[in-house]
């Protein structure tokens, strides 16, 4: 078990990763306002927000997340594309929008989005609230003004908005409530987290071998450092860049608009990854082992592929060990869908 502080070079600086054992007591049924084991505030704070978390805001946002009345068709909610049992993804290569047209990118998990400053695969949303508004309008076809009026006409909702925000339903308060709920979707307290807290039997022998590979010979930690298991940066892996007009990713005009990042995509978190197939921004790989093989094999050929991607020349047994370790990044929190106001 690694108990030192590793310094990993990214090209944009040195990222120090504390991997020392830290004791914790949070369990799967903890208060949603309390960070779980492995994601404590002294390890990583939530991204800056002007709206303080409260239980009332979170509970309201949870209901809104599952309410199809937020969509333009009345047949889609945030939870349509983000299912707890699938690690808050939808299991599809490309999900349809409210009008039936397909998205061009795979649905990412919303686990731990409250820690991220740039969202979407291309980083175009600066902050969670902007991400929510864009998805609400473009993915769900929601019309905030109409939705707000509809919710205000439901006494139970009107009461909850008043309690949480001292205000009526509006684009701003709906967005803030959704953001409050999303900030509580934190995937800590996994077998890995329990292992790092000192519980030696939390990982089996195969997972421990995979952990050693992850931190060492496989090089995974370079782009997937704990505790979020993402560097929150953008890399060109060569994946999904075939064809005459490949996706520009973070280099697109509507994203970060940086020529050096054309074809680059945000490093996805590996927390919960065993549940979030298919993989990569294009949803092009259905199997986790195959995705791991691609990455430890150095990605796919591309003229500007990130130099961090190298063929690690791992055996099938070692790849299986890595996959086993990735399974140990799955949290075991309990989740119950809310009853919606009528």
C-alpha atoms as a PDB file:
ATOM      1  CA  UNK A   1       0.000   0.000   0.000  1.00  0.00           C
ATOM      2  CA  UNK A   2       1.446   3.336  -1.033  1.00  0.00           C
ATOM      3  CA  UNK A   3       1.842   5.702   1.918  1.00  0.00           C
ATOM      4  CA  UNK A   4       3.913   8.448   0.392  1.00  0.00           C
ATOM      5  CA  UNK A   5       3.106  11.687  -1.346  1.00  0.00           C
ATOM      6  CA  UNK A   6       3.465  11.214  -5.098  1.00  0.00           C
ATOM      7  CA  UNK A   7       4.338  14.131  -7.332  1.00  0.00           C
ATOM      8  CA  UNK A   8       2.970  13.682 -10.829  1.00  0.00           C
ATOM      9  CA  UNK A   9       4.034  15.892 -13.722  1.00  0.00           C
ATOM     10  CA  UNK A  10       1.203  17.005 -15.995  1.00  0.00           C
ATOM     11  CA  UNK A  11       2.931  19.473 -18.280  1.00  0.00           C
ATOM     12  CA  UNK A  12       0.954  22.328 -16.718  1.00  0.00           C
ATOM     13  CA  UNK A  13       2.540  21.922 -13.321  1.00  0.00           C
ATOM     14  CA  UNK A  14       3.118  19.484 -10.506  1.00  0.00           C
ATOM     15  CA  UNK A  15       0.105  17.900  -8.863  1.00  0.00           C
ATOM     16  CA  UNK A  16       0.761  16.544  -5.362  1.00  0.00           C
ATOM     17  CA  UNK A  17      -1.373  13.595  -4.389  1.00  0.00           C
ATOM     18  CA  UNK A  18      -1.622  12.593  -0.768  1.00  0.00           C
ATOM     19  CA  UNK A  19      -2.138   8.862  -0.564  1.00  0.00           C
ATOM     20  CA  UNK A  20      -1.579   8.400   3.134  1.00  0.00           C
ATOM     21  CA  UNK A  21      -4.055   6.373   5.117  1.00  0.00           C
ATOM     22  CA  UNK A  22      -6.762   8.591   6.631  1.00  0.00           C
ATOM     23  CA  UNK A  23      -9.286   7.272   9.086  1.00  0.00           C
ATOM     24  CA  UNK A  24     -12.952   8.022   8.557  1.00  0.00           C
ATOM     25  CA  UNK A  25     -16.282   6.866   9.901  1.00  0.00           C
ATOM     26  CA  UNK A  26     -18.877   7.969   7.355  1.00  0.00           C
ATOM     27  CA  UNK A  27     -21.127   5.184   6.153  1.00  0.00           C
ATOM     28  CA  UNK A  28     -23.452   4.692   3.176  1.00  0.00           C
ATOM     29  CA  UNK A  29     -26.501   6.169   4.922  1.00  0.00           C
ATOM     30  CA  UNK A  30     -24.868   9.399   6.057  1.00  0.00           C
ATOM     31  CA  UNK A  31     -26.325  12.889   5.925  1.00  0.00           C
ATOM     32  CA  UNK A  32     -26.093  14.020   2.256  1.00  0.00           C
ATOM     33  CA  UNK A  33     -24.612  17.328   3.388  1.00  0.00           C
ATOM     34  CA  UNK A  34     -21.639  15.507   4.904  1.00  0.00           C
ATOM     35  CA  UNK A  35     -18.887  14.463   2.483  1.00  0.00           C
ATOM     36  CA  UNK A  36     -18.380  10.687   2.456  1.00  0.00           C
ATOM     37  CA  UNK A  37     -15.230   8.798   3.345  1.00  0.00           C
ATOM     38  CA  UNK A  38     -12.525   9.642   0.812  1.00  0.00           C
ATOM     39  CA  UNK A  39     -14.008  12.971  -0.233  1.00  0.00           C
ATOM     40  CA  UNK A  40     -13.745  14.901   3.024  1.00  0.00           C
ATOM     41  CA  UNK A  41     -13.424  18.667   2.747  1.00  0.00           C
ATOM     42  CA  UNK A  42      -9.822  18.596   3.927  1.00  0.00           C
ATOM     43  CA  UNK A  43      -9.028  16.470   0.876  1.00  0.00           C
ATOM     44  CA  UNK A  44     -11.062  18.307  -1.716  1.00  0.00           C
ATOM     45  CA  UNK A  45     -13.640  21.083  -1.230  1.00  0.00           C
ATOM     46  CA  UNK A  46     -16.654  21.572  -3.461  1.00  0.00           C
ATOM     47  CA  UNK A  47     -16.224  24.090  -6.257  1.00  0.00           C
ATOM     48  CA  UNK A  48     -17.084  27.649  -5.321  1.00  0.00           C
ATOM     49  CA  UNK A  49     -20.801  28.476  -5.158  1.00  0.00           C
ATOM     50  CA  UNK A  50     -22.816  31.482  -4.032  1.00  0.00           C
ATOM     51  CA  UNK A  51     -25.617  29.236  -2.779  1.00  0.00           C
ATOM     52  CA  UNK A  52     -24.963  27.524   0.540  1.00  0.00           C
ATOM     53  CA  UNK A  53     -26.130  23.923   0.831  1.00  0.00           C
ATOM     54  CA  UNK A  54     -29.088  23.229   3.124  1.00  0.00           C
ATOM     55  CA  UNK A  55     -31.213  20.142   3.616  1.00  0.00           C
ATOM     56  CA  UNK A  56     -34.317  21.937   2.315  1.00  0.00           C
ATOM     57  CA  UNK A  57     -32.596  22.965  -0.923  1.00  0.00           C
ATOM     58  CA  UNK A  58     -31.223  19.478  -1.483  1.00  0.00           C
ATOM     59  CA  UNK A  59     -34.594  17.802  -0.910  1.00  0.00           C
ATOM     60  CA  UNK A  60     -36.304  20.234  -3.276  1.00  0.00           C
ATOM     61  CA  UNK A  61     -33.638  19.706  -5.918  1.00  0.00           C
ATOM     62  CA  UNK A  62     -33.960  15.949  -5.587  1.00  0.00           C
ATOM     63  CA  UNK A  63     -37.650  16.144  -6.438  1.00  0.00           C
ATOM     64  CA  UNK A  64     -37.035  18.476  -9.367  1.00  0.00           C
ATOM     65  CA  UNK A  65     -34.350  16.118 -10.700  1.00  0.00           C
ATOM     66  CA  UNK A  66     -36.982  13.393 -11.102  1.00  0.00           C
ATOM     67  CA  UNK A  67     -39.850  15.608 -12.253  1.00  0.00           C
ATOM     68  CA  UNK A  68     -40.786  15.303 -15.943  1.00  0.00           C
ATOM     69  CA  UNK A  69     -42.734  18.553 -15.702  1.00  0.00           C
ATOM     70  CA  UNK A  70     -39.431  20.394 -16.132  1.00  0.00           C
ATOM     71  CA  UNK A  71     -39.162  19.259 -19.757  1.00  0.00           C
ATOM     72  CA  UNK A  72     -40.771  20.706 -22.841  1.00  0.00           C
ATOM     73  CA  UNK A  73     -42.608  17.461 -23.591  1.00  0.00           C
ATOM     74  CA  UNK A  74     -43.548  16.520 -20.031  1.00  0.00           C
ATOM     75  CA  UNK A  75     -41.934  13.149 -20.685  1.00  0.00           C
ATOM     76  CA  UNK A  76     -38.316  13.709 -19.669  1.00  0.00           C
ATOM     77  CA  UNK A  77     -36.550  14.528 -16.427  1.00  0.00           C
ATOM     78  CA  UNK A  78     -32.893  14.882 -15.475  1.00  0.00           C
ATOM     79  CA  UNK A  79     -33.105  11.300 -14.238  1.00  0.00           C
ATOM     80  CA  UNK A  80     -34.019  10.082 -17.728  1.00  0.00           C
ATOM     81  CA  UNK A  81     -30.339  10.258 -18.655  1.00  0.00           C
ATOM     82  CA  UNK A  82     -28.859   9.930 -15.164  1.00  0.00           C
ATOM     83  CA  UNK A  83     -29.862   6.741 -13.342  1.00  0.00           C
ATOM     84  CA  UNK A  84     -28.453   5.897  -9.928  1.00  0.00           C
ATOM     85  CA  UNK A  85     -28.191   2.187 -10.714  1.00  0.00           C
ATOM     86  CA  UNK A  86     -26.006   3.029 -13.730  1.00  0.00           C
ATOM     87  CA  UNK A  87     -23.689   5.344 -11.843  1.00  0.00           C
ATOM     88  CA  UNK A  88     -25.827   8.332 -12.814  1.00  0.00           C
ATOM     89  CA  UNK A  89     -25.497   7.624 -16.546  1.00  0.00           C
ATOM     90  CA  UNK A  90     -28.016   6.010 -18.919  1.00  0.00           C
ATOM     91  CA  UNK A  91     -26.165   3.019 -20.373  1.00  0.00           C
ATOM     92  CA  UNK A  92     -26.622   4.263 -23.936  1.00  0.00           C
ATOM     93  CA  UNK A  93     -23.978   5.076 -26.518  1.00  0.00           C
ATOM     94  CA  UNK A  94     -25.765   8.317 -27.381  1.00  0.00           C
ATOM     95  CA  UNK A  95     -28.979   9.379 -25.683  1.00  0.00           C
ATOM     96  CA  UNK A  96     -31.839  11.176 -27.478  1.00  0.00           C
ATOM     97  CA  UNK A  97     -32.833  14.759 -26.794  1.00  0.00           C
ATOM     98  CA  UNK A  98     -36.411  15.823 -26.063  1.00  0.00           C
ATOM     99  CA  UNK A  99     -37.115  16.059 -29.811  1.00  0.00           C
ATOM    100  CA  UNK A 100     -35.769  12.585 -30.558  1.00  0.00           C
ATOM    101  CA  UNK A 101     -32.537  13.767 -32.153  1.00  0.00           C
ATOM    102  CA  UNK A 102     -29.450  12.032 -30.768  1.00  0.00           C
ATOM    103  CA  UNK A 103     -26.702  13.731 -28.828  1.00  0.00           C
ATOM    104  CA  UNK A 104     -23.238  13.617 -30.348  1.00  0.00           C
ATOM    105  CA  UNK A 105     -21.558  12.617 -27.073  1.00  0.00           C
ATOM    106  CA  UNK A 106     -22.084   9.989 -24.411  1.00  0.00           C
ATOM    107  CA  UNK A 107     -23.921  10.893 -21.204  1.00  0.00           C
ATOM    108  CA  UNK A 108     -21.325  11.497 -18.472  1.00  0.00           C
ATOM    109  CA  UNK A 109     -21.879  10.623 -14.835  1.00  0.00           C
ATOM    110  CA  UNK A 110     -23.047  13.367 -12.491  1.00  0.00           C
ATOM    111  CA  UNK A 111     -21.169  11.812  -9.588  1.00  0.00           C
ATOM    112  CA  UNK A 112     -18.961  14.478  -7.999  1.00  0.00           C
ATOM    113  CA  UNK A 113     -19.903  17.248 -10.448  1.00  0.00           C
ATOM    114  CA  UNK A 114     -19.990  19.648  -7.517  1.00  0.00           C
ATOM    115  CA  UNK A 115     -16.190  19.517  -7.425  1.00  0.00           C
ATOM    116  CA  UNK A 116     -15.731  20.523 -11.068  1.00  0.00           C
ATOM    117  CA  UNK A 117     -15.189  24.033 -12.419  1.00  0.00           C
ATOM    118  CA  UNK A 118     -15.652  23.085 -16.093  1.00  0.00           C
ATOM    119  CA  UNK A 119     -18.394  20.707 -17.191  1.00  0.00           C
ATOM    120  CA  UNK A 120     -19.398  18.788 -20.306  1.00  0.00           C
ATOM    121  CA  UNK A 121     -16.870  16.695 -22.187  1.00  0.00           C
ATOM    122  CA  UNK A 122     -15.484  19.862 -23.778  1.00  0.00           C
ATOM    123  CA  UNK A 123     -15.519  22.023 -20.650  1.00  0.00           C
ATOM    124  CA  UNK A 124     -17.804  24.649 -22.162  1.00  0.00           C
ATOM    125  CA  UNK A 125     -19.943  25.144 -19.027  1.00  0.00           C
ATOM    126  CA  UNK A 126     -18.143  27.222 -16.420  1.00  0.00           C
ATOM    127  CA  UNK A 127     -19.814  25.954 -13.279  1.00  0.00           C
ATOM    128  CA  UNK A 128     -22.605  23.599 -12.357  1.00  0.00           C
ATOM    129  CA  UNK A 129     -25.431  26.122 -12.653  1.00  0.00           C
ATOM    130  CA  UNK A 130     -24.543  26.954 -16.269  1.00  0.00           C
ATOM    131  CA  UNK A 131     -24.393  23.255 -17.059  1.00  0.00           C
ATOM    132  CA  UNK A 132     -27.847  22.733 -15.557  1.00  0.00           C
ATOM    133  CA  UNK A 133     -29.472  25.581 -17.484  1.00  0.00           C
ATOM    134  CA  UNK A 134     -27.955  24.421 -20.782  1.00  0.00           C
ATOM    135  CA  UNK A 135     -29.055  20.808 -20.273  1.00  0.00           C
ATOM    136  CA  UNK A 136     -32.499  21.892 -19.089  1.00  0.00           C
ATOM    137  CA  UNK A 137     -33.129  23.962 -22.209  1.00  0.00           C
ATOM    138  CA  UNK A 138     -31.260  22.006 -24.884  1.00  0.00           C
ATOM    139  CA  UNK A 139     -31.482  18.398 -23.739  1.00  0.00           C
ATOM    140  CA  UNK A 140     -34.913  18.509 -22.107  1.00  0.00           C
ATOM    141  CA  UNK A 141     -36.475  21.288 -24.158  1.00  0.00           C
ATOM    142  CA  UNK A 142     -37.461  23.032 -20.952  1.00  0.00           C
ATOM    143  CA  UNK A 143     -38.902  26.537 -20.986  1.00  0.00           C
ATOM    144  CA  UNK A 144     -37.976  27.930 -17.567  1.00  0.00           C
ATOM    145  CA  UNK A 145     -40.654  30.616 -17.406  1.00  0.00           C
ATOM    146  CA  UNK A 146     -43.438  28.154 -18.241  1.00  0.00           C
ATOM    147  CA  UNK A 147     -42.045  25.525 -15.899  1.00  0.00           C
ATOM    148  CA  UNK A 148     -41.813  28.034 -13.060  1.00  0.00           C
ATOM    149  CA  UNK A 149     -45.464  29.000 -13.476  1.00  0.00           C
ATOM    150  CA  UNK A 150     -46.522  25.351 -13.538  1.00  0.00           C
ATOM    151  CA  UNK A 151     -44.586  24.569 -10.354  1.00  0.00           C
ATOM    152  CA  UNK A 152     -45.893  27.669  -8.599  1.00  0.00           C
ATOM    153  CA  UNK A 153     -49.423  26.404  -9.221  1.00  0.00           C
ATOM    154  CA  UNK A 154     -48.649  23.260  -7.204  1.00  0.00           C
ATOM    155  CA  UNK A 155     -49.150  24.193  -3.510  1.00  0.00           C
ATOM    156  CA  UNK A 156     -46.631  21.685  -2.186  1.00  0.00           C
ATOM    157  CA  UNK A 157     -43.912  22.969  -4.511  1.00  0.00           C
ATOM    158  CA  UNK A 158     -44.725  26.603  -3.785  1.00  0.00           C
ATOM    159  CA  UNK A 159     -44.354  25.853  -0.081  1.00  0.00           C
ATOM    160  CA  UNK A 160     -41.020  24.068  -0.556  1.00  0.00           C
ATOM    161  CA  UNK A 161     -39.558  26.892  -2.653  1.00  0.00           C
ATOM    162  CA  UNK A 162     -40.606  29.397  -0.026  1.00  0.00           C
ATOM    163  CA  UNK A 163     -39.032  27.291   2.691  1.00  0.00           C
ATOM    164  CA  UNK A 164     -35.775  26.740   0.815  1.00  0.00           C
ATOM    165  CA  UNK A 165     -35.317  30.100  -0.910  1.00  0.00           C
ATOM    166  CA  UNK A 166     -37.899  32.500   0.507  1.00  0.00           C
ATOM    167  CA  UNK A 167     -38.999  32.917  -3.101  1.00  0.00           C
ATOM    168  CA  UNK A 168     -41.314  31.496  -5.730  1.00  0.00           C
ATOM    169  CA  UNK A 169     -40.248  29.016  -8.408  1.00  0.00           C
ATOM    170  CA  UNK A 170     -38.171  30.749 -11.088  1.00  0.00           C
ATOM    171  CA  UNK A 171     -35.338  29.814 -13.437  1.00  0.00           C
ATOM    172  CA  UNK A 172     -32.837  30.925 -10.808  1.00  0.00           C
ATOM    173  CA  UNK A 173     -34.318  29.067  -7.831  1.00  0.00           C
ATOM    174  CA  UNK A 174     -35.028  25.913  -9.848  1.00  0.00           C
ATOM    175  CA  UNK A 175     -31.449  25.892 -11.125  1.00  0.00           C
ATOM    176  CA  UNK A 176     -30.020  26.474  -7.642  1.00  0.00           C
ATOM    177  CA  UNK A 177     -32.118  23.682  -6.140  1.00  0.00           C
ATOM    178  CA  UNK A 178     -31.006  21.221  -8.813  1.00  0.00           C
ATOM    179  CA  UNK A 179     -27.399  22.267  -8.245  1.00  0.00           C
ATOM    180  CA  UNK A 180     -27.787  21.769  -4.498  1.00  0.00           C
ATOM    181  CA  UNK A 181     -28.981  18.206  -5.020  1.00  0.00           C
ATOM    182  CA  UNK A 182     -26.265  17.419  -7.555  1.00  0.00           C
ATOM    183  CA  UNK A 183     -23.580  18.640  -5.178  1.00  0.00           C
ATOM    184  CA  UNK A 184     -24.571  15.864  -2.771  1.00  0.00           C
ATOM    185  CA  UNK A 185     -24.059  13.063  -5.325  1.00  0.00           C
ATOM    186  CA  UNK A 186     -20.614  12.122  -4.056  1.00  0.00           C
ATOM    187  CA  UNK A 187     -19.239   8.650  -4.677  1.00  0.00           C
ATOM    188  CA  UNK A 188     -17.000   8.088  -1.692  1.00  0.00           C
ATOM    189  CA  UNK A 189     -17.034   5.274   0.864  1.00  0.00           C
ATOM    190  CA  UNK A 190     -15.999   2.754  -1.781  1.00  0.00           C
ATOM    191  CA  UNK A 191     -13.912  -0.344  -0.993  1.00  0.00           C
ATOM    192  CA  UNK A 192     -10.890   1.715  -2.088  1.00  0.00           C
ATOM    193  CA  UNK A 193     -11.745   4.458   0.407  1.00  0.00           C
ATOM    194  CA  UNK A 194     -12.193   1.935   3.203  1.00  0.00           C
ATOM    195  CA  UNK A 195      -8.874   0.332   2.275  1.00  0.00           C
ATOM    196  CA  UNK A 196      -7.146   3.708   2.434  1.00  0.00           C
ATOM    197  CA  UNK A 197      -8.756   4.336   5.826  1.00  0.00           C
ATOM    198  CA  UNK A 198      -6.936   1.333   7.202  1.00  0.00           C
ATOM    199  CA  UNK A 199      -9.309  -1.580   6.533  1.00  0.00           C
ATOM    200  CA  UNK A 200      -6.840  -4.004   4.996  1.00  0.00           C
ATOM    201  CA  UNK A 201      -9.480  -6.518   3.902  1.00  0.00           C
ATOM    202  CA  UNK A 202     -11.531  -3.962   1.943  1.00  0.00           C
ATOM    203  CA  UNK A 203      -9.657  -4.971  -1.225  1.00  0.00           C
ATOM    204  CA  UNK A 204      -8.966  -8.547  -2.273  1.00  0.00           C
ATOM    205  CA  UNK A 205      -5.594  -9.717  -3.612  1.00  0.00           C
ATOM    206  CA  UNK A 206      -6.518  -9.064  -7.245  1.00  0.00           C
ATOM    207  CA  UNK A 207      -7.738  -5.547  -6.487  1.00  0.00           C
ATOM    208  CA  UNK A 208      -4.598  -4.800  -4.465  1.00  0.00           C
ATOM    209  CA  UNK A 209      -2.468  -5.905  -7.404  1.00  0.00           C
ATOM    210  CA  UNK A 210      -4.520  -3.656  -9.656  1.00  0.00           C
ATOM    211  CA  UNK A 211      -4.081  -0.777  -7.214  1.00  0.00           C
ATOM    212  CA  UNK A 212      -0.298  -1.175  -7.345  1.00  0.00           C
ATOM    213  CA  UNK A 213      -0.427  -1.170 -11.165  1.00  0.00           C
ATOM    214  CA  UNK A 214      -2.714   1.864 -11.199  1.00  0.00           C
ATOM    215  CA  UNK A 215      -0.307   3.821  -9.019  1.00  0.00           C
ATOM    216  CA  UNK A 216       2.783   2.540 -10.805  1.00  0.00           C
ATOM    217  CA  UNK A 217       3.525   0.601 -13.978  1.00  0.00           C
ATOM    218  CA  UNK A 218       0.173   1.249 -15.691  1.00  0.00           C
ATOM    219  CA  UNK A 219       0.563   5.013 -15.292  1.00  0.00           C
ATOM    220  CA  UNK A 220      -3.168   5.553 -14.694  1.00  0.00           C
ATOM    221  CA  UNK A 221      -2.555   7.907 -11.781  1.00  0.00           C
ATOM    222  CA  UNK A 222      -0.999  10.511 -14.079  1.00  0.00           C
ATOM    223  CA  UNK A 223      -4.407  11.531 -15.454  1.00  0.00           C
ATOM    224  CA  UNK A 224      -6.645   9.909 -12.832  1.00  0.00           C
ATOM    225  CA  UNK A 225      -5.287  11.018  -9.446  1.00  0.00           C
ATOM    226  CA  UNK A 226      -7.241  10.512  -6.223  1.00  0.00           C
ATOM    227  CA  UNK A 227      -9.484  11.578  -4.668  1.00  0.00           C
ATOM    228  CA  UNK A 228     -11.674  12.306  -7.733  1.00  0.00           C
ATOM    229  CA  UNK A 229      -9.671  10.022 -10.032  1.00  0.00           C
ATOM    230  CA  UNK A 230      -9.556  12.728 -12.690  1.00  0.00           C
ATOM    231  CA  UNK A 231      -7.046  15.525 -13.237  1.00  0.00           C
ATOM    232  CA  UNK A 232      -9.939  17.698 -14.509  1.00  0.00           C
ATOM    233  CA  UNK A 233      -7.803  18.500 -17.552  1.00  0.00           C
ATOM    234  CA  UNK A 234      -8.273  17.852 -21.283  1.00  0.00           C
ATOM    235  CA  UNK A 235      -6.274  15.320 -23.276  1.00  0.00           C
ATOM    236  CA  UNK A 236      -6.116  14.065 -26.846  1.00  0.00           C
ATOM    237  CA  UNK A 237      -6.268  10.272 -26.654  1.00  0.00           C
ATOM    238  CA  UNK A 238      -7.057   9.639 -30.315  1.00  0.00           C
ATOM    239  CA  UNK A 239     -10.318   7.973 -29.316  1.00  0.00           C
ATOM    240  CA  UNK A 240     -13.299   8.898 -31.484  1.00  0.00           C
ATOM    241  CA  UNK A 241     -11.291  11.142 -33.781  1.00  0.00           C
ATOM    242  CA  UNK A 242     -11.621   9.113 -36.944  1.00  0.00           C
ATOM    243  CA  UNK A 243     -13.457  10.387 -40.011  1.00  0.00           C
ATOM    244  CA  UNK A 244     -13.369  13.548 -42.086  1.00  0.00           C
ATOM    245  CA  UNK A 245     -14.916  15.835 -39.457  1.00  0.00           C
ATOM    246  CA  UNK A 246     -13.895  14.593 -36.012  1.00  0.00           C
ATOM    247  CA  UNK A 247     -15.333  16.155 -32.874  1.00  0.00           C
ATOM    248  CA  UNK A 248     -13.213  19.233 -31.963  1.00  0.00           C
ATOM    249  CA  UNK A 249     -13.831  18.664 -28.245  1.00  0.00           C
ATOM    250  CA  UNK A 250     -12.396  21.309 -25.944  1.00  0.00           C
ATOM    251  CA  UNK A 251     -10.864  23.087 -28.939  1.00  0.00           C
ATOM    252  CA  UNK A 252     -14.264  23.909 -30.423  1.00  0.00           C
ATOM    253  CA  UNK A 253     -15.480  27.492 -30.746  1.00  0.00           C
ATOM    254  CA  UNK A 254     -18.286  26.912 -28.242  1.00  0.00           C
ATOM    255  CA  UNK A 255     -15.921  25.305 -25.733  1.00  0.00           C
ATOM    256  CA  UNK A 256     -12.454  26.460 -24.676  1.00  0.00           C
ATOM    257  CA  UNK A 257     -11.614  27.587 -28.237  1.00  0.00           C
ATOM    258  CA  UNK A 258      -7.957  26.590 -27.990  1.00  0.00           C
ATOM    259  CA  UNK A 259      -6.336  25.188 -31.140  1.00  0.00           C
ATOM    260  CA  UNK A 260      -3.995  23.116 -29.003  1.00  0.00           C
ATOM    261  CA  UNK A 261      -7.050  21.351 -27.558  1.00  0.00           C
ATOM    262  CA  UNK A 262      -8.781  20.437 -30.819  1.00  0.00           C
ATOM    263  CA  UNK A 263      -9.718  16.793 -30.314  1.00  0.00           C
ATOM    264  CA  UNK A 264      -9.124  16.929 -26.558  1.00  0.00           C
ATOM    265  CA  UNK A 265     -11.733  15.834 -24.034  1.00  0.00           C
ATOM    266  CA  UNK A 266     -12.013  16.087 -20.282  1.00  0.00           C
ATOM    267  CA  UNK A 267     -10.549  13.241 -18.295  1.00  0.00           C
ATOM    268  CA  UNK A 268     -13.556  11.363 -16.889  1.00  0.00           C
ATOM    269  CA  UNK A 269     -13.679  10.362 -13.259  1.00  0.00           C
ATOM    270  CA  UNK A 270     -13.088   6.675 -12.624  1.00  0.00           C
ATOM    271  CA  UNK A 271     -15.247   6.636  -9.517  1.00  0.00           C
ATOM    272  CA  UNK A 272     -18.218   4.418 -10.285  1.00  0.00           C
ATOM    273  CA  UNK A 273     -16.714   3.528 -13.671  1.00  0.00           C
ATOM    274  CA  UNK A 274     -17.731  -0.128 -13.402  1.00  0.00           C
ATOM    275  CA  UNK A 275     -21.365   1.018 -13.728  1.00  0.00           C
ATOM    276  CA  UNK A 276     -21.028   3.665 -16.421  1.00  0.00           C
ATOM    277  CA  UNK A 277     -20.582   1.738 -19.688  1.00  0.00           C
ATOM    278  CA  UNK A 278     -20.301   2.501 -22.552  1.00  0.00           C
ATOM    279  CA  UNK A 279     -17.067   4.438 -22.372  1.00  0.00           C
ATOM    280  CA  UNK A 280     -15.334   7.503 -23.822  1.00  0.00           C
ATOM    281  CA  UNK A 281     -16.938  10.698 -25.096  1.00  0.00           C
ATOM    282  CA  UNK A 282     -18.385   8.909 -28.110  1.00  0.00           C
ATOM    283  CA  UNK A 283     -19.667   5.913 -26.155  1.00  0.00           C
ATOM    284  CA  UNK A 284     -17.731   3.782 -28.601  1.00  0.00           C
ATOM    285  CA  UNK A 285     -16.527   1.056 -26.222  1.00  0.00           C
ATOM    286  CA  UNK A 286     -19.067  -1.098 -24.417  1.00  0.00           C
ATOM    287  CA  UNK A 287     -16.704  -3.096 -22.188  1.00  0.00           C
ATOM    288  CA  UNK A 288     -14.562  -1.745 -19.346  1.00  0.00           C
ATOM    289  CA  UNK A 289     -11.735  -4.184 -19.999  1.00  0.00           C
ATOM    290  CA  UNK A 290     -11.565  -3.073 -23.625  1.00  0.00           C
ATOM    291  CA  UNK A 291     -11.500   0.577 -22.540  1.00  0.00           C
ATOM    292  CA  UNK A 292      -8.641  -0.164 -20.148  1.00  0.00           C
ATOM    293  CA  UNK A 293      -6.733  -2.012 -22.865  1.00  0.00           C
ATOM    294  CA  UNK A 294      -7.003   0.982 -25.166  1.00  0.00           C
ATOM    295  CA  UNK A 295      -5.719   3.411 -22.575  1.00  0.00           C
ATOM    296  CA  UNK A 296      -2.836   1.338 -21.176  1.00  0.00           C
ATOM    297  CA  UNK A 297      -1.966   0.518 -24.781  1.00  0.00           C
ATOM    298  CA  UNK A 298      -1.318   4.186 -25.409  1.00  0.00           C
ATOM    299  CA  UNK A 299      -4.664   5.328 -26.750  1.00  0.00           C
ATOM    300  CA  UNK A 300      -5.285   5.461 -30.501  1.00  0.00           C
ATOM    301  CA  UNK A 301      -3.052   6.819 -33.216  1.00  0.00           C
ATOM    302  CA  UNK A 302      -3.332  10.576 -33.725  1.00  0.00           C
ATOM    303  CA  UNK A 303      -0.848  13.185 -34.909  1.00  0.00           C
ATOM    304  CA  UNK A 304      -1.289  15.244 -31.739  1.00  0.00           C
ATOM    305  CA  UNK A 305      -1.966  12.504 -29.214  1.00  0.00           C
ATOM    306  CA  UNK A 306      -0.939  13.442 -25.668  1.00  0.00           C
ATOM    307  CA  UNK A 307       2.640  12.343 -24.900  1.00  0.00           C
ATOM    308  CA  UNK A 308       1.439  11.018 -21.551  1.00  0.00           C
ATOM    309  CA  UNK A 309      -0.237   8.149 -23.371  1.00  0.00           C
ATOM    310  CA  UNK A 310       2.220   5.307 -23.829  1.00  0.00           C
ATOM    311  CA  UNK A 311       1.941   1.594 -24.401  1.00  0.00           C
ATOM    312  CA  UNK A 312       2.530   0.159 -20.950  1.00  0.00           C
ATOM    313  CA  UNK A 313       2.893  -3.363 -22.373  1.00  0.00           C
ATOM    314  CA  UNK A 314       0.713  -4.993 -19.734  1.00  0.00           C
ATOM    315  CA  UNK A 315      -0.356  -8.621 -19.801  1.00  0.00           C
ATOM    316  CA  UNK A 316      -3.974  -9.773 -19.910  1.00  0.00           C
ATOM    317  CA  UNK A 317      -3.627 -10.767 -16.258  1.00  0.00           C
ATOM    318  CA  UNK A 318      -2.470  -7.272 -15.329  1.00  0.00           C
ATOM    319  CA  UNK A 319      -5.314  -5.687 -17.274  1.00  0.00           C
ATOM    320  CA  UNK A 320      -7.754  -7.923 -15.408  1.00  0.00           C
ATOM    321  CA  UNK A 321      -6.193  -6.756 -12.140  1.00  0.00           C
ATOM    322  CA  UNK A 322      -6.671  -3.128 -13.150  1.00  0.00           C
ATOM    323  CA  UNK A 323     -10.311  -3.768 -14.003  1.00  0.00           C
ATOM    324  CA  UNK A 324     -10.781  -5.441 -10.627  1.00  0.00           C
ATOM    325  CA  UNK A 325      -9.332  -2.399  -8.873  1.00  0.00           C
ATOM    326  CA  UNK A 326     -11.581  -0.044 -10.843  1.00  0.00           C
ATOM    327  CA  UNK A 327     -14.524  -2.033  -9.543  1.00  0.00           C
ATOM    328  CA  UNK A 328     -13.366  -1.104  -6.044  1.00  0.00           C
ATOM    329  CA  UNK A 329     -14.071   2.569  -6.865  1.00  0.00           C
ATOM    330  CA  UNK A 330     -17.818   1.924  -6.746  1.00  0.00           C
ATOM    331  CA  UNK A 331     -19.574   3.556  -3.809  1.00  0.00           C
ATOM    332  CA  UNK A 332     -22.328   1.733  -1.936  1.00  0.00           C
ATOM    333  CA  UNK A 333     -24.549   4.587  -0.833  1.00  0.00           C
ATOM    334  CA  UNK A 334     -28.273   3.917  -0.599  1.00  0.00           C
ATOM    335  CA  UNK A 335     -30.642   5.979  -2.704  1.00  0.00           C
ATOM    336  CA  UNK A 336     -34.430   6.283  -2.668  1.00  0.00           C
ATOM    337  CA  UNK A 337     -36.383   8.139  -5.335  1.00  0.00           C
ATOM    338  CA  UNK A 338     -38.524  10.961  -4.004  1.00  0.00           C
ATOM    339  CA  UNK A 339     -42.298  11.212  -4.043  1.00  0.00           C
ATOM    340  CA  UNK A 340     -43.215  14.134  -6.261  1.00  0.00           C
ATOM    341  CA  UNK A 341     -45.739  16.851  -5.344  1.00  0.00           C
ATOM    342  CA  UNK A 342     -49.026  16.640  -7.220  1.00  0.00           C
END
